[in-house]
């Protein structure tokens, strides 16, 4: 059985494991068959956070843009599916939230992590946590526009370990050559 159990990104209320199992048993419990489940994103989605640093803020009368160093190549779901990912400052809020677009530095109209999202005041250098990035975050990331993919850190309690190094320029161009017979 597939499809997953659902993920709480915002205010969704997917069934608990117990409620889901109860419903399945009620439907097929008397058949005497083995069932195999594909849980989907329910384990990994909310286990991952994308940390991004505020580069600067741009304001107009109509709009507030918070430009961060993460981009659509790091977390594609908001741009591709208009997926909601909760975003909040790492540390105490500095004031009342105001509607904001959180956007990356890729210079694409689709390069956003959130649109019209309440976000308290932030300053250059602040960290923001983009929640629910554990499912499809790195697996959908790319080197679009020559950007290097982010490092991954595993955290358990107060312990942290680097489990995937940040890519380097050398990683980006590995395998590329300039054939002498063409450039001659």
Foldseek 3Di string as FASTA:
>chain_A
DEDAQDACQDPDDTDDPVVVVVVVCVVCVPVPDDDDYDHPLHVFQQQDKDKWFFAAWDDDPVAIETEIADWCLQPVCCLPPVDHWDKAWDDDADDWWFFHWYAYDLPDPSITRHGRDTYGDDGGGTMMIGGRCRPPRQVSHDCPPNNWYDWDWDDDPPDIDTPGHTDDSCNSCPPDDDDPVVVD
